[in-house]
């Protein structure tokens, strides 16, 4: 299994992440997925990392499809791919109504259509084709093509999605699926949807990679390890819309998810984090001694994972991150 690394978008220290990327490059990690919400801009960060590394893949983790036009996303990815000598990965998602409308000031309309059109347009431009109205259901496209030759005509596109229709589109158009906080024992449900989309498009489902975000905390003290993951889970349940709460409810954690959301929405953030159940944590993260973490990660592989995107600890000294990277480094 390949392992990528993912810094969290809050409490982001740019110089520390650059140092982390260099260490991960030396240790043989597959890729680094730079997030974007309402802090740093990700393509500039990835370009900085490209100049300081030589092998590690450089991914947007995740770029939303509203705040940049499809053409700009295609240009940005092609430029990064050239600068990095073929290491770019375009991770895409629809984000949510609150962020898109209240931060970016853009109407959040037909997100799945926007995602589908973005992928089609980017692929056409990378292939040297001219734009045409047939590529989009929402935009009046005419004539333009990229006036540069992309290093690759097939830059990998990975999609972060939780909704059934969007997961189906992964099978139709994308190279990989990036689920967040999807209980690993149930990855097969999403993979079935991807396979259906792939077959409709005449594609081989085996060519589409499952690349979930996963918290890995290799501490001997399991309770302490879980305590580092619980605040992030509670934040997603209570503070990131309805998707994650609904996901946990669907897979048997409704009582706990309801309780955590209630505490979080009442402003009791520490209590909400503490209330996240251990078994819920263990369904979406890997916490325990190093050997256990490696064994459990291999178990995730039996559920279809081809590339694990390992979340890095937040608010910790670099030495903690360094030890984590060394402990979980690819063999």
C-alpha atoms as a PDB file:
ATOM      1  CA  UNK A   1       0.000   0.000   0.000  1.00  0.00           C
ATOM      2  CA  UNK A   2       1.183   3.493  -0.833  1.00  0.00           C
ATOM      3  CA  UNK A   3       1.019   6.126   1.910  1.00  0.00           C
ATOM      4  CA  UNK A   4       0.431   9.831   1.402  1.00  0.00           C
ATOM      5  CA  UNK A   5       0.528  12.500   4.080  1.00  0.00           C
ATOM      6  CA  UNK A   6      -2.011  15.244   4.801  1.00  0.00           C
ATOM      7  CA  UNK A   7      -1.467  18.302   7.025  1.00  0.00           C
ATOM      8  CA  UNK A   8      -4.618  19.766   8.519  1.00  0.00           C
ATOM      9  CA  UNK A   9      -5.740  23.110   7.112  1.00  0.00           C
ATOM     10  CA  UNK A  10      -6.158  24.793  10.529  1.00  0.00           C
ATOM     11  CA  UNK A  11      -3.142  25.675  12.667  1.00  0.00           C
ATOM     12  CA  UNK A  12      -1.083  25.309   9.496  1.00  0.00           C
ATOM     13  CA  UNK A  13       2.578  26.296   9.791  1.00  0.00           C
ATOM     14  CA  UNK A  14       3.936  26.656   6.294  1.00  0.00           C
ATOM     15  CA  UNK A  15       7.622  26.245   7.073  1.00  0.00           C
ATOM     16  CA  UNK A  16       6.997  23.197   9.231  1.00  0.00           C
ATOM     17  CA  UNK A  17       4.913  21.571   6.506  1.00  0.00           C
ATOM     18  CA  UNK A  18       7.689  22.236   3.987  1.00  0.00           C
ATOM     19  CA  UNK A  19      10.165  20.585   6.334  1.00  0.00           C
ATOM     20  CA  UNK A  20       7.751  17.684   6.776  1.00  0.00           C
ATOM     21  CA  UNK A  21       7.391  17.285   3.014  1.00  0.00           C
ATOM     22  CA  UNK A  22      11.148  17.095   2.607  1.00  0.00           C
ATOM     23  CA  UNK A  23      11.408  14.397   5.282  1.00  0.00           C
ATOM     24  CA  UNK A  24       8.520  12.441   3.726  1.00  0.00           C
ATOM     25  CA  UNK A  25      10.242  12.676   0.352  1.00  0.00           C
ATOM     26  CA  UNK A  26      13.443  11.247   1.848  1.00  0.00           C
ATOM     27  CA  UNK A  27      11.544   8.449   3.630  1.00  0.00           C
ATOM     28  CA  UNK A  28       9.749   7.279   0.498  1.00  0.00           C
ATOM     29  CA  UNK A  29       6.205   8.467   1.116  1.00  0.00           C
ATOM     30  CA  UNK A  30       4.053   8.439  -1.983  1.00  0.00           C
ATOM     31  CA  UNK A  31       2.464  11.903  -1.930  1.00  0.00           C
ATOM     32  CA  UNK A  32       1.545  14.981   0.063  1.00  0.00           C
ATOM     33  CA  UNK A  33      -2.028  16.292  -0.111  1.00  0.00           C
ATOM     34  CA  UNK A  34      -2.217  19.990   0.688  1.00  0.00           C
ATOM     35  CA  UNK A  35      -5.633  21.068   2.001  1.00  0.00           C
ATOM     36  CA  UNK A  36      -7.502  24.273   1.311  1.00  0.00           C
ATOM     37  CA  UNK A  37     -10.421  25.781   3.196  1.00  0.00           C
ATOM     38  CA  UNK A  38     -10.133  29.456   4.191  1.00  0.00           C
ATOM     39  CA  UNK A  39      -6.459  29.718   5.039  1.00  0.00           C
ATOM     40  CA  UNK A  40      -3.503  29.150   2.693  1.00  0.00           C
ATOM     41  CA  UNK A  41      -3.936  28.786  -1.080  1.00  0.00           C
ATOM     42  CA  UNK A  42      -2.887  25.272  -2.048  1.00  0.00           C
ATOM     43  CA  UNK A  43      -1.307  25.556  -5.518  1.00  0.00           C
ATOM     44  CA  UNK A  44       1.254  28.076  -4.297  1.00  0.00           C
ATOM     45  CA  UNK A  45       2.127  25.841  -1.365  1.00  0.00           C
ATOM     46  CA  UNK A  46       2.491  22.831  -3.660  1.00  0.00           C
ATOM     47  CA  UNK A  47       4.772  24.803  -5.957  1.00  0.00           C
ATOM     48  CA  UNK A  48       6.963  25.698  -2.994  1.00  0.00           C
ATOM     49  CA  UNK A  49       7.112  22.033  -1.993  1.00  0.00           C
ATOM     50  CA  UNK A  50       7.882  21.010  -5.588  1.00  0.00           C
ATOM     51  CA  UNK A  51      11.035  23.102  -5.525  1.00  0.00           C
ATOM     52  CA  UNK A  52      12.228  21.509  -2.271  1.00  0.00           C
ATOM     53  CA  UNK A  53      11.525  17.844  -3.103  1.00  0.00           C
ATOM     54  CA  UNK A  54      12.261  15.438  -5.931  1.00  0.00           C
ATOM     55  CA  UNK A  55      10.025  12.360  -5.817  1.00  0.00           C
ATOM     56  CA  UNK A  56       6.918  12.839  -3.709  1.00  0.00           C
ATOM     57  CA  UNK A  57       3.578  13.337  -5.478  1.00  0.00           C
ATOM     58  CA  UNK A  58       1.964  16.764  -5.097  1.00  0.00           C
ATOM     59  CA  UNK A  59      -1.796  16.719  -4.643  1.00  0.00           C
ATOM     60  CA  UNK A  60      -4.545  19.195  -3.955  1.00  0.00           C
ATOM     61  CA  UNK A  61      -6.352  17.770  -0.983  1.00  0.00           C
ATOM     62  CA  UNK A  62      -8.963  18.965  -1.842  1.00  0.00           C
ATOM     63  CA  UNK A  63      -9.615  21.760  -4.392  1.00  0.00           C
ATOM     64  CA  UNK A  64     -13.272  22.774  -4.561  1.00  0.00           C
ATOM     65  CA  UNK A  65     -14.799  23.116  -8.033  1.00  0.00           C
ATOM     66  CA  UNK A  66     -16.530  26.460  -7.446  1.00  0.00           C
ATOM     67  CA  UNK A  67     -13.907  29.013  -6.394  1.00  0.00           C
ATOM     68  CA  UNK A  68     -11.808  28.460  -9.540  1.00  0.00           C
ATOM     69  CA  UNK A  69     -13.185  27.966 -13.024  1.00  0.00           C
ATOM     70  CA  UNK A  70     -12.622  24.571 -14.670  1.00  0.00           C
ATOM     71  CA  UNK A  71     -10.205  26.260 -17.060  1.00  0.00           C
ATOM     72  CA  UNK A  72      -8.190  27.759 -14.232  1.00  0.00           C
ATOM     73  CA  UNK A  73      -8.051  24.449 -12.382  1.00  0.00           C
ATOM     74  CA  UNK A  74      -6.767  22.799 -15.564  1.00  0.00           C
ATOM     75  CA  UNK A  75      -4.153  25.520 -16.045  1.00  0.00           C
ATOM     76  CA  UNK A  76      -3.035  25.384 -12.413  1.00  0.00           C
ATOM     77  CA  UNK A  77      -2.681  21.606 -12.407  1.00  0.00           C
ATOM     78  CA  UNK A  78      -0.803  21.609 -15.741  1.00  0.00           C
ATOM     79  CA  UNK A  79       1.547  24.327 -14.499  1.00  0.00           C
ATOM     80  CA  UNK A  80       2.254  22.476 -11.262  1.00  0.00           C
ATOM     81  CA  UNK A  81       2.806  19.268 -13.218  1.00  0.00           C
ATOM     82  CA  UNK A  82       5.394  20.959 -15.415  1.00  0.00           C
ATOM     83  CA  UNK A  83       7.201  22.618 -12.518  1.00  0.00           C
ATOM     84  CA  UNK A  84       7.298  19.346 -10.556  1.00  0.00           C
ATOM     85  CA  UNK A  85       8.272  17.246 -13.593  1.00  0.00           C
ATOM     86  CA  UNK A  86       5.152  15.139 -13.625  1.00  0.00           C
ATOM     87  CA  UNK A  87       4.217  14.825  -9.947  1.00  0.00           C
ATOM     88  CA  UNK A  88       0.870  16.665  -9.828  1.00  0.00           C
ATOM     89  CA  UNK A  89      -2.397  15.073  -8.700  1.00  0.00           C
ATOM     90  CA  UNK A  90      -5.644  17.031  -8.915  1.00  0.00           C
ATOM     91  CA  UNK A  91      -7.859  16.229  -5.945  1.00  0.00           C
ATOM     92  CA  UNK A  92     -11.341  17.690  -6.405  1.00  0.00           C
ATOM     93  CA  UNK A  93     -14.505  18.039  -4.360  1.00  0.00           C
ATOM     94  CA  UNK A  94     -17.663  20.104  -4.211  1.00  0.00           C
ATOM     95  CA  UNK A  95     -17.129  21.508  -0.695  1.00  0.00           C
ATOM     96  CA  UNK A  96     -20.414  22.728   0.816  1.00  0.00           C
ATOM     97  CA  UNK A  97     -22.949  25.514   0.628  1.00  0.00           C
ATOM     98  CA  UNK A  98     -21.704  27.393   3.720  1.00  0.00           C
ATOM     99  CA  UNK A  99     -18.106  27.714   2.501  1.00  0.00           C
ATOM    100  CA  UNK A 100     -18.884  28.356  -1.152  1.00  0.00           C
ATOM    101  CA  UNK A 101     -21.570  30.974  -0.569  1.00  0.00           C
ATOM    102  CA  UNK A 102     -20.427  32.627   2.672  1.00  0.00           C
ATOM    103  CA  UNK A 103     -16.662  32.682   2.062  1.00  0.00           C
ATOM    104  CA  UNK A 104     -16.341  32.682  -1.733  1.00  0.00           C
ATOM    105  CA  UNK A 105     -19.635  34.454  -2.444  1.00  0.00           C
ATOM    106  CA  UNK A 106     -20.578  32.045  -5.227  1.00  0.00           C
ATOM    107  CA  UNK A 107     -24.006  30.385  -5.558  1.00  0.00           C
ATOM    108  CA  UNK A 108     -23.799  26.715  -4.628  1.00  0.00           C
ATOM    109  CA  UNK A 109     -25.823  25.329  -7.517  1.00  0.00           C
ATOM    110  CA  UNK A 110     -25.744  21.844  -9.038  1.00  0.00           C
ATOM    111  CA  UNK A 111     -22.498  20.718  -7.350  1.00  0.00           C
ATOM    112  CA  UNK A 112     -22.423  17.323  -9.053  1.00  0.00           C
ATOM    113  CA  UNK A 113     -22.887  18.908 -12.469  1.00  0.00           C
ATOM    114  CA  UNK A 114     -20.090  21.353 -11.689  1.00  0.00           C
ATOM    115  CA  UNK A 115     -17.810  18.500 -10.617  1.00  0.00           C
ATOM    116  CA  UNK A 116     -18.579  16.476 -13.734  1.00  0.00           C
ATOM    117  CA  UNK A 117     -18.048  19.441 -16.068  1.00  0.00           C
ATOM    118  CA  UNK A 118     -14.793  20.396 -14.361  1.00  0.00           C
ATOM    119  CA  UNK A 119     -13.270  16.975 -14.908  1.00  0.00           C
ATOM    120  CA  UNK A 120     -14.384  16.804 -18.538  1.00  0.00           C
ATOM    121  CA  UNK A 121     -13.064  20.279 -19.318  1.00  0.00           C
ATOM    122  CA  UNK A 122      -9.728  19.696 -17.585  1.00  0.00           C
ATOM    123  CA  UNK A 123      -9.167  16.413 -19.406  1.00  0.00           C
ATOM    124  CA  UNK A 124      -9.997  17.994 -22.756  1.00  0.00           C
ATOM    125  CA  UNK A 125      -7.611  20.887 -22.187  1.00  0.00           C
ATOM    126  CA  UNK A 126      -4.755  18.639 -21.023  1.00  0.00           C
ATOM    127  CA  UNK A 127      -5.257  16.554 -24.169  1.00  0.00           C
ATOM    128  CA  UNK A 128      -4.795  19.618 -26.362  1.00  0.00           C
ATOM    129  CA  UNK A 129      -8.437  19.777 -27.435  1.00  0.00           C
ATOM    130  CA  UNK A 130     -10.486  22.893 -28.027  1.00  0.00           C
ATOM    131  CA  UNK A 131     -13.427  23.583 -25.762  1.00  0.00           C
ATOM    132  CA  UNK A 132     -16.935  23.004 -27.089  1.00  0.00           C
ATOM    133  CA  UNK A 133     -20.455  23.351 -25.674  1.00  0.00           C
ATOM    134  CA  UNK A 134     -20.778  19.566 -25.421  1.00  0.00           C
ATOM    135  CA  UNK A 135     -18.284  19.487 -22.535  1.00  0.00           C
ATOM    136  CA  UNK A 136     -20.593  21.342 -20.130  1.00  0.00           C
ATOM    137  CA  UNK A 137     -24.232  21.466 -19.184  1.00  0.00           C
ATOM    138  CA  UNK A 138     -23.918  24.859 -17.488  1.00  0.00           C
ATOM    139  CA  UNK A 139     -21.252  26.877 -19.340  1.00  0.00           C
ATOM    140  CA  UNK A 140     -21.102  28.281 -22.852  1.00  0.00           C
ATOM    141  CA  UNK A 141     -17.709  27.012 -23.941  1.00  0.00           C
ATOM    142  CA  UNK A 142     -16.166  28.043 -27.254  1.00  0.00           C
ATOM    143  CA  UNK A 143     -12.967  27.424 -29.187  1.00  0.00           C
ATOM    144  CA  UNK A 144     -10.298  27.956 -26.509  1.00  0.00           C
ATOM    145  CA  UNK A 145      -7.491  25.500 -25.921  1.00  0.00           C
ATOM    146  CA  UNK A 146      -4.392  25.665 -23.739  1.00  0.00           C
ATOM    147  CA  UNK A 147      -1.626  27.644 -25.399  1.00  0.00           C
ATOM    148  CA  UNK A 148       0.982  25.482 -23.708  1.00  0.00           C
ATOM    149  CA  UNK A 149       1.613  21.768 -24.011  1.00  0.00           C
ATOM    150  CA  UNK A 150       0.998  19.998 -20.704  1.00  0.00           C
ATOM    151  CA  UNK A 151       3.716  17.636 -19.616  1.00  0.00           C
ATOM    152  CA  UNK A 152       1.034  14.948 -19.255  1.00  0.00           C
ATOM    153  CA  UNK A 153      -2.316  14.674 -20.965  1.00  0.00           C
ATOM    154  CA  UNK A 154      -3.595  12.432 -18.180  1.00  0.00           C
ATOM    155  CA  UNK A 155      -2.894  14.174 -14.875  1.00  0.00           C
ATOM    156  CA  UNK A 156      -4.552  11.963 -12.224  1.00  0.00           C
ATOM    157  CA  UNK A 157      -7.880  13.211 -10.911  1.00  0.00           C
ATOM    158  CA  UNK A 158      -9.120  12.054  -7.497  1.00  0.00           C
ATOM    159  CA  UNK A 159     -12.534  12.959  -6.125  1.00  0.00           C
ATOM    160  CA  UNK A 160     -13.475  13.414  -2.468  1.00  0.00           C
ATOM    161  CA  UNK A 161     -17.147  12.522  -2.125  1.00  0.00           C
ATOM    162  CA  UNK A 162     -19.651  10.987   0.278  1.00  0.00           C
ATOM    163  CA  UNK A 163     -22.876  11.239  -1.714  1.00  0.00           C
ATOM    164  CA  UNK A 164     -23.991   8.255  -3.784  1.00  0.00           C
ATOM    165  CA  UNK A 165     -24.349  10.114  -7.097  1.00  0.00           C
ATOM    166  CA  UNK A 166     -20.928  11.731  -6.756  1.00  0.00           C
ATOM    167  CA  UNK A 167     -19.302   8.395  -5.915  1.00  0.00           C
ATOM    168  CA  UNK A 168     -20.931   6.942  -9.034  1.00  0.00           C
ATOM    169  CA  UNK A 169     -19.279   9.736 -11.044  1.00  0.00           C
ATOM    170  CA  UNK A 170     -15.882   8.721  -9.653  1.00  0.00           C
ATOM    171  CA  UNK A 171     -16.321   5.471 -11.553  1.00  0.00           C
ATOM    172  CA  UNK A 172     -17.361   7.352 -14.663  1.00  0.00           C
ATOM    173  CA  UNK A 173     -14.669  10.028 -14.831  1.00  0.00           C
ATOM    174  CA  UNK A 174     -12.003   9.945 -12.106  1.00  0.00           C
ATOM    175  CA  UNK A 175      -8.876   7.984 -11.255  1.00  0.00           C
ATOM    176  CA  UNK A 176      -9.468   7.699  -7.522  1.00  0.00           C
ATOM    177  CA  UNK A 177     -11.940   8.071  -4.678  1.00  0.00           C
ATOM    178  CA  UNK A 178     -10.994   9.976  -1.515  1.00  0.00           C
ATOM    179  CA  UNK A 179     -13.511   9.309   1.277  1.00  0.00           C
ATOM    180  CA  UNK A 180     -13.246  11.153   4.591  1.00  0.00           C
ATOM    181  CA  UNK A 181     -14.341   9.473   7.847  1.00  0.00           C
ATOM    182  CA  UNK A 182     -15.980   6.592   6.007  1.00  0.00           C
ATOM    183  CA  UNK A 183     -15.841   3.525   8.314  1.00  0.00           C
ATOM    184  CA  UNK A 184     -13.296   1.288   6.650  1.00  0.00           C
ATOM    185  CA  UNK A 185     -15.311  -1.918   7.101  1.00  0.00           C
ATOM    186  CA  UNK A 186     -17.884  -0.412   4.722  1.00  0.00           C
ATOM    187  CA  UNK A 187     -15.637   0.789   1.887  1.00  0.00           C
ATOM    188  CA  UNK A 188     -17.181  -1.952  -0.212  1.00  0.00           C
ATOM    189  CA  UNK A 189     -20.448  -0.008  -0.391  1.00  0.00           C
ATOM    190  CA  UNK A 190     -18.728   2.911  -2.095  1.00  0.00           C
ATOM    191  CA  UNK A 191     -16.629   0.650  -4.300  1.00  0.00           C
ATOM    192  CA  UNK A 192     -19.794  -0.998  -5.606  1.00  0.00           C
ATOM    193  CA  UNK A 193     -21.126   2.402  -6.644  1.00  0.00           C
ATOM    194  CA  UNK A 194     -17.810   3.213  -8.332  1.00  0.00           C
ATOM    195  CA  UNK A 195     -17.825  -0.105 -10.176  1.00  0.00           C
ATOM    196  CA  UNK A 196     -21.331   0.570 -11.487  1.00  0.00           C
ATOM    197  CA  UNK A 197     -20.252   3.969 -12.819  1.00  0.00           C
ATOM    198  CA  UNK A 198     -17.105   2.505 -14.348  1.00  0.00           C
ATOM    199  CA  UNK A 199     -18.994  -0.244 -16.171  1.00  0.00           C
ATOM    200  CA  UNK A 200     -21.459   2.301 -17.596  1.00  0.00           C
ATOM    201  CA  UNK A 201     -18.516   4.283 -18.962  1.00  0.00           C
ATOM    202  CA  UNK A 202     -16.769   1.202 -20.337  1.00  0.00           C
ATOM    203  CA  UNK A 203     -13.969   1.455 -17.786  1.00  0.00           C
ATOM    204  CA  UNK A 204     -12.271  -1.170 -15.662  1.00  0.00           C
ATOM    205  CA  UNK A 205     -13.247  -0.565 -11.993  1.00  0.00           C
ATOM    206  CA  UNK A 206      -9.889  -2.004 -10.920  1.00  0.00           C
ATOM    207  CA  UNK A 207      -8.142   1.030 -12.411  1.00  0.00           C
ATOM    208  CA  UNK A 208      -9.848   3.395  -9.931  1.00  0.00           C
ATOM    209  CA  UNK A 209      -7.969   3.713  -6.655  1.00  0.00           C
ATOM    210  CA  UNK A 210      -9.439   3.943  -3.173  1.00  0.00           C
ATOM    211  CA  UNK A 211      -7.417   6.559  -1.272  1.00  0.00           C
ATOM    212  CA  UNK A 212      -9.106   7.441   2.043  1.00  0.00           C
ATOM    213  CA  UNK A 213      -7.990   9.996   4.568  1.00  0.00           C
ATOM    214  CA  UNK A 214      -7.012   8.140   7.740  1.00  0.00           C
ATOM    215  CA  UNK A 215      -5.739   9.295  11.117  1.00  0.00           C
ATOM    216  CA  UNK A 216      -2.821   7.141  12.272  1.00  0.00           C
ATOM    217  CA  UNK A 217      -1.452   7.711  15.770  1.00  0.00           C
ATOM    218  CA  UNK A 218       1.278   5.187  16.673  1.00  0.00           C
ATOM    219  CA  UNK A 219       1.298   5.623  20.463  1.00  0.00           C
ATOM    220  CA  UNK A 220       1.603   2.810  22.987  1.00  0.00           C
ATOM    221  CA  UNK A 221      -1.069   4.575  25.059  1.00  0.00           C
ATOM    222  CA  UNK A 222      -4.164   3.817  22.984  1.00  0.00           C
ATOM    223  CA  UNK A 223      -6.420   6.179  24.956  1.00  0.00           C
ATOM    224  CA  UNK A 224      -3.975   9.035  24.432  1.00  0.00           C
ATOM    225  CA  UNK A 225      -3.764   8.204  20.732  1.00  0.00           C
ATOM    226  CA  UNK A 226      -7.543   8.260  20.355  1.00  0.00           C
ATOM    227  CA  UNK A 227      -7.745  11.552  22.250  1.00  0.00           C
ATOM    228  CA  UNK A 228      -5.749  13.211  19.459  1.00  0.00           C
ATOM    229  CA  UNK A 229      -8.237  12.077  16.828  1.00  0.00           C
ATOM    230  CA  UNK A 230     -11.491  12.741  18.678  1.00  0.00           C
ATOM    231  CA  UNK A 231     -11.477  16.575  18.387  1.00  0.00           C
ATOM    232  CA  UNK A 232     -11.229  16.329  14.606  1.00  0.00           C
ATOM    233  CA  UNK A 233     -14.065  13.805  14.417  1.00  0.00           C
ATOM    234  CA  UNK A 234     -16.283  15.948  16.639  1.00  0.00           C
ATOM    235  CA  UNK A 235     -15.487  18.990  14.482  1.00  0.00           C
ATOM    236  CA  UNK A 236     -16.627  17.158  11.356  1.00  0.00           C
ATOM    237  CA  UNK A 237     -19.769  15.811  13.041  1.00  0.00           C
ATOM    238  CA  UNK A 238     -20.811  19.125  14.562  1.00  0.00           C
ATOM    239  CA  UNK A 239     -19.180  21.803  12.461  1.00  0.00           C
ATOM    240  CA  UNK A 240     -18.978  20.617   8.858  1.00  0.00           C
ATOM    241  CA  UNK A 241     -22.591  20.411   7.782  1.00  0.00           C
ATOM    242  CA  UNK A 242     -24.754  17.295   7.669  1.00  0.00           C
ATOM    243  CA  UNK A 243     -22.725  14.906   5.501  1.00  0.00           C
ATOM    244  CA  UNK A 244     -20.517  13.363   8.167  1.00  0.00           C
ATOM    245  CA  UNK A 245     -23.242  13.127  10.783  1.00  0.00           C
ATOM    246  CA  UNK A 246     -25.428  11.335   8.246  1.00  0.00           C
ATOM    247  CA  UNK A 247     -22.578   9.000   7.296  1.00  0.00           C
ATOM    248  CA  UNK A 248     -21.998   7.895  10.884  1.00  0.00           C
ATOM    249  CA  UNK A 249     -25.725   7.479  11.421  1.00  0.00           C
ATOM    250  CA  UNK A 250     -25.939   5.265   8.339  1.00  0.00           C
ATOM    251  CA  UNK A 251     -23.284   2.938   9.679  1.00  0.00           C
ATOM    252  CA  UNK A 252     -24.638   2.401  13.166  1.00  0.00           C
ATOM    253  CA  UNK A 253     -23.343   5.340  15.220  1.00  0.00           C
ATOM    254  CA  UNK A 254     -26.459   7.522  15.306  1.00  0.00           C
ATOM    255  CA  UNK A 255     -26.821   7.748  19.071  1.00  0.00           C
ATOM    256  CA  UNK A 256     -23.210   8.777  19.532  1.00  0.00           C
ATOM    257  CA  UNK A 257     -23.226  11.126  16.527  1.00  0.00           C
ATOM    258  CA  UNK A 258     -26.394  12.845  17.789  1.00  0.00           C
ATOM    259  CA  UNK A 259     -24.847  13.318  21.233  1.00  0.00           C
ATOM    260  CA  UNK A 260     -21.579  14.706  19.863  1.00  0.00           C
ATOM    261  CA  UNK A 261     -23.411  17.094  17.523  1.00  0.00           C
ATOM    262  CA  UNK A 262     -25.615  18.350  20.339  1.00  0.00           C
ATOM    263  CA  UNK A 263     -22.619  19.107  22.574  1.00  0.00           C
ATOM    264  CA  UNK A 264     -20.710  20.739  19.741  1.00  0.00           C
ATOM    265  CA  UNK A 265     -23.597  22.959  18.714  1.00  0.00           C
ATOM    266  CA  UNK A 266     -24.052  24.075  22.322  1.00  0.00           C
ATOM    267  CA  UNK A 267     -20.463  25.333  22.292  1.00  0.00           C
ATOM    268  CA  UNK A 268     -19.155  22.494  24.466  1.00  0.00           C
ATOM    269  CA  UNK A 269     -16.274  21.628  22.166  1.00  0.00           C
ATOM    270  CA  UNK A 270     -14.070  19.752  24.651  1.00  0.00           C
ATOM    271  CA  UNK A 271     -17.029  17.766  25.897  1.00  0.00           C
ATOM    272  CA  UNK A 272     -18.030  16.948  22.324  1.00  0.00           C
ATOM    273  CA  UNK A 273     -14.565  15.611  21.552  1.00  0.00           C
ATOM    274  CA  UNK A 274     -14.474  13.529  24.725  1.00  0.00           C
ATOM    275  CA  UNK A 275     -17.894  12.075  23.879  1.00  0.00           C
ATOM    276  CA  UNK A 276     -16.770  10.505  20.587  1.00  0.00           C
ATOM    277  CA  UNK A 277     -17.022   6.748  21.115  1.00  0.00           C
ATOM    278  CA  UNK A 278     -13.877   4.627  20.953  1.00  0.00           C
ATOM    279  CA  UNK A 279     -15.398   2.197  18.468  1.00  0.00           C
ATOM    280  CA  UNK A 280     -16.319   5.085  16.178  1.00  0.00           C
ATOM    281  CA  UNK A 281     -12.707   6.300  16.328  1.00  0.00           C
ATOM    282  CA  UNK A 282     -11.427   2.824  15.521  1.00  0.00           C
ATOM    283  CA  UNK A 283     -13.653   2.612  12.450  1.00  0.00           C
ATOM    284  CA  UNK A 284     -12.063   5.667  10.813  1.00  0.00           C
ATOM    285  CA  UNK A 285      -8.602   5.917  12.408  1.00  0.00           C
ATOM    286  CA  UNK A 286      -5.757   3.688  13.566  1.00  0.00           C
ATOM    287  CA  UNK A 287      -4.545   4.212  17.128  1.00  0.00           C
ATOM    288  CA  UNK A 288      -2.066   2.120  19.103  1.00  0.00           C
ATOM    289  CA  UNK A 289       1.500   0.782  19.124  1.00  0.00           C
ATOM    290  CA  UNK A 290       3.506   0.948  15.908  1.00  0.00           C
ATOM    291  CA  UNK A 291       3.218  -2.754  15.071  1.00  0.00           C
ATOM    292  CA  UNK A 292      -0.542  -2.638  15.631  1.00  0.00           C
ATOM    293  CA  UNK A 293      -0.845   0.401  13.349  1.00  0.00           C
ATOM    294  CA  UNK A 294       1.022  -1.361  10.586  1.00  0.00           C
ATOM    295  CA  UNK A 295      -1.114  -4.494  10.969  1.00  0.00           C
ATOM    296  CA  UNK A 296      -4.355  -2.510  10.993  1.00  0.00           C
ATOM    297  CA  UNK A 297      -3.274  -0.509   7.951  1.00  0.00           C
ATOM    298  CA  UNK A 298      -2.710  -3.801   6.139  1.00  0.00           C
ATOM    299  CA  UNK A 299      -6.232  -4.799   7.173  1.00  0.00           C
ATOM    300  CA  UNK A 300      -7.567  -1.606   5.597  1.00  0.00           C
ATOM    301  CA  UNK A 301      -5.843  -2.827   2.438  1.00  0.00           C
ATOM    302  CA  UNK A 302      -7.992  -5.956   2.449  1.00  0.00           C
ATOM    303  CA  UNK A 303     -11.009  -3.650   2.191  1.00  0.00           C
ATOM    304  CA  UNK A 304      -9.725  -2.158  -1.046  1.00  0.00           C
ATOM    305  CA  UNK A 305      -7.404   0.665   0.020  1.00  0.00           C
ATOM    306  CA  UNK A 306      -4.618   1.275  -2.480  1.00  0.00           C
ATOM    307  CA  UNK A 307      -3.270   4.531  -1.076  1.00  0.00           C
ATOM    308  CA  UNK A 308      -3.770   5.628   2.539  1.00  0.00           C
ATOM    309  CA  UNK A 309      -3.705   9.392   3.084  1.00  0.00           C
ATOM    310  CA  UNK A 310      -2.337   9.782   6.599  1.00  0.00           C
ATOM    311  CA  UNK A 311      -3.447  12.854   8.511  1.00  0.00           C
ATOM    312  CA  UNK A 312      -0.588  14.551  10.337  1.00  0.00           C
ATOM    313  CA  UNK A 313      -1.006  15.659  13.967  1.00  0.00           C
ATOM    314  CA  UNK A 314      -2.010  19.273  14.540  1.00  0.00           C
ATOM    315  CA  UNK A 315      -0.544  21.630  17.105  1.00  0.00           C
ATOM    316  CA  UNK A 316       2.311  19.256  17.890  1.00  0.00           C
ATOM    317  CA  UNK A 317       6.068  19.891  17.908  1.00  0.00           C
ATOM    318  CA  UNK A 318       7.821  18.859  14.707  1.00  0.00           C
ATOM    319  CA  UNK A 319       9.564  16.085  16.625  1.00  0.00           C
ATOM    320  CA  UNK A 320       6.220  14.297  17.099  1.00  0.00           C
ATOM    321  CA  UNK A 321       5.465  14.503  13.381  1.00  0.00           C
ATOM    322  CA  UNK A 322       8.968  13.320  12.558  1.00  0.00           C
ATOM    323  CA  UNK A 323       8.593  10.275  14.799  1.00  0.00           C
ATOM    324  CA  UNK A 324       5.220   9.477  13.237  1.00  0.00           C
ATOM    325  CA  UNK A 325       6.714   9.634   9.727  1.00  0.00           C
ATOM    326  CA  UNK A 326       9.640   7.442  10.713  1.00  0.00           C
ATOM    327  CA  UNK A 327       7.407   4.918  12.486  1.00  0.00           C
ATOM    328  CA  UNK A 328       5.026   4.536   9.539  1.00  0.00           C
ATOM    329  CA  UNK A 329       7.549   4.978   6.712  1.00  0.00           C
ATOM    330  CA  UNK A 330       7.085   2.638   3.748  1.00  0.00           C
ATOM    331  CA  UNK A 331       9.242  -0.478   3.985  1.00  0.00           C
END
